[in-house]
């Protein structure tokens, strides 16, 4: 039951995010699996996300709770605290946050755990 609820929430977030800012650039050539991305929040701080997988319309990311007052020049995801291990987001929604690629890291099997649950749940959908 818990898995079903979690997947329902993630799918809802995907649908909502895909509707955000339809004027966002539809250019995803800069999106890279394993990319550690910075995005500036409304309060001026920088948040971090990591792309776990890419699909035609979606980006699967890990979101970190760490916030930075100034733009970091180097980070390692292993040193960050994740708040959400996996969430699918529409590409347009992700791109509308104007993410900046900081670096590319390997995506570990552990990081892909939530994504693999998602894929299993989506079979036959």
Protein backbone atom coordinates (compact mmCIF):
# COMPACT_ATOMS: atom_id res chain seq x y z
CA UNK A 1 0.00 0.00 0.00
CA UNK A 2 2.81 2.41 0.90
CA UNK A 3 4.53 1.83 -2.46
CA UNK A 4 1.29 2.43 -4.33
CA UNK A 5 0.74 5.73 -2.50
CA UNK A 6 4.32 6.83 -3.12
CA UNK A 7 4.07 6.06 -6.83
CA UNK A 8 0.77 7.92 -7.07
CA UNK A 9 2.39 10.99 -5.50
CA UNK A 10 5.39 10.78 -7.87
CA UNK A 11 3.17 10.44 -10.94
CA UNK A 12 1.12 13.41 -9.74
CA UNK A 13 4.29 15.46 -9.34
CA UNK A 14 5.37 14.46 -12.84
CA UNK A 15 2.09 15.63 -14.30
CA UNK A 16 2.14 18.90 -12.37
CA UNK A 17 5.76 19.63 -13.23
CA UNK A 18 5.20 18.93 -16.91
CA UNK A 19 2.56 21.68 -16.95
CA UNK A 20 4.89 24.31 -15.45
CA UNK A 21 6.06 27.16 -17.66
CA UNK A 22 5.23 26.03 -21.17
CA UNK A 23 7.46 28.85 -22.42
CA UNK A 24 10.57 27.14 -21.04
CA UNK A 25 13.15 26.22 -23.64
CA UNK A 26 12.46 22.79 -25.08
CA UNK A 27 16.19 22.21 -25.47
CA UNK A 28 17.34 19.32 -23.33
CA UNK A 29 20.68 18.74 -25.05
CA UNK A 30 22.47 19.92 -21.90
CA UNK A 31 20.77 17.39 -19.63
CA UNK A 32 23.13 14.57 -18.69
CA UNK A 33 22.57 11.37 -16.72
CA UNK A 34 24.70 11.65 -13.59
CA UNK A 35 24.68 15.43 -13.86
CA UNK A 36 24.77 17.30 -10.56
CA UNK A 37 22.73 20.46 -11.17
CA UNK A 38 22.39 23.73 -9.28
CA UNK A 39 19.26 25.86 -9.41
CA UNK A 40 18.71 29.16 -7.66
CA UNK A 41 15.62 29.24 -5.44
CA UNK A 42 13.34 32.25 -4.95
CA UNK A 43 15.18 33.12 -1.73
CA UNK A 44 18.50 33.36 -3.60
CA UNK A 45 19.97 30.13 -2.23
CA UNK A 46 21.13 27.31 -4.46
CA UNK A 47 19.62 23.84 -4.38
CA UNK A 48 21.10 20.66 -5.83
CA UNK A 49 19.66 17.79 -7.83
CA UNK A 50 21.16 14.84 -9.66
CA UNK A 51 19.76 13.31 -12.83
CA UNK A 52 19.39 9.56 -12.41
CA UNK A 53 17.76 8.82 -15.78
CA UNK A 54 16.33 10.60 -18.80
CA UNK A 55 13.23 9.73 -20.82
CA UNK A 56 11.57 11.42 -23.78
CA UNK A 57 9.34 13.63 -21.65
CA UNK A 58 10.77 13.20 -18.17
CA UNK A 59 13.80 13.61 -15.99
CA UNK A 60 14.29 11.32 -13.01
CA UNK A 61 16.16 13.12 -10.24
CA UNK A 62 17.41 12.84 -6.70
CA UNK A 63 16.78 16.02 -4.69
CA UNK A 64 19.08 17.17 -1.90
CA UNK A 65 18.10 19.19 1.16
CA UNK A 66 21.41 21.10 1.31
CA UNK A 67 21.13 24.81 0.48
CA UNK A 68 24.00 27.13 -0.35
CA UNK A 69 24.12 30.92 0.05
CA UNK A 70 26.64 31.22 -2.78
CA UNK A 71 27.02 29.09 -5.88
CA UNK A 72 29.26 26.11 -5.06
CA UNK A 73 32.14 25.42 -7.41
CA UNK A 74 32.52 21.76 -6.48
CA UNK A 75 30.32 19.25 -4.70
CA UNK A 76 30.11 15.50 -4.32
CA UNK A 77 26.65 13.98 -4.03
CA UNK A 78 28.00 11.47 -1.48
CA UNK A 79 28.56 14.41 0.89
CA UNK A 80 25.00 15.75 0.50
CA UNK A 81 21.78 14.78 2.30
CA UNK A 82 19.02 13.70 -0.05
CA UNK A 83 15.47 14.66 0.76
CA UNK A 84 13.84 12.67 -2.05
CA UNK A 85 15.69 9.67 -3.47
CA UNK A 86 13.79 9.61 -6.77
CA UNK A 87 11.17 11.77 -8.36
CA UNK A 88 10.10 12.00 -12.01
CA UNK A 89 9.76 15.56 -13.30
CA UNK A 90 8.64 16.76 -16.72
CA UNK A 91 11.60 17.99 -18.78
CA UNK A 92 9.99 21.38 -19.34
CA UNK A 93 9.47 21.80 -15.62
CA UNK A 94 13.06 20.85 -14.85
CA UNK A 95 14.45 23.12 -17.57
CA UNK A 96 12.28 26.03 -16.38
CA UNK A 97 14.27 26.06 -13.11
CA UNK A 98 17.32 27.05 -15.22
CA UNK A 99 19.56 24.28 -13.87
CA UNK A 100 23.32 24.72 -14.19
CA UNK A 101 25.47 21.64 -14.63
CA UNK A 102 28.14 21.57 -11.93
CA UNK A 103 29.70 18.19 -12.73
CA UNK A 104 28.90 14.66 -13.89
CA UNK A 105 29.14 11.71 -11.53
CA UNK A 106 28.46 8.01 -11.84
CA UNK A 107 24.91 7.00 -10.88
CA UNK A 108 25.13 4.21 -8.33
CA UNK A 109 22.87 1.17 -8.02
CA UNK A 110 21.74 2.51 -4.64
CA UNK A 111 20.66 5.82 -6.21
CA UNK A 112 18.67 3.92 -8.85
CA UNK A 113 16.65 1.94 -6.30
CA UNK A 114 13.64 4.29 -6.35
CA UNK A 115 13.81 4.61 -10.14
CA UNK A 116 13.77 0.82 -10.48
CA UNK A 117 10.67 0.65 -8.22
CA UNK A 118 9.08 3.27 -10.44
CA UNK A 119 9.85 1.26 -13.60
CA UNK A 120 8.40 -1.89 -12.04
CA UNK A 121 5.25 -0.07 -11.00
CA UNK A 122 4.80 1.44 -14.47
CA UNK A 123 4.93 -1.93 -16.27
CA UNK A 124 1.67 -2.49 -18.06
CA UNK A 125 0.49 1.09 -17.54
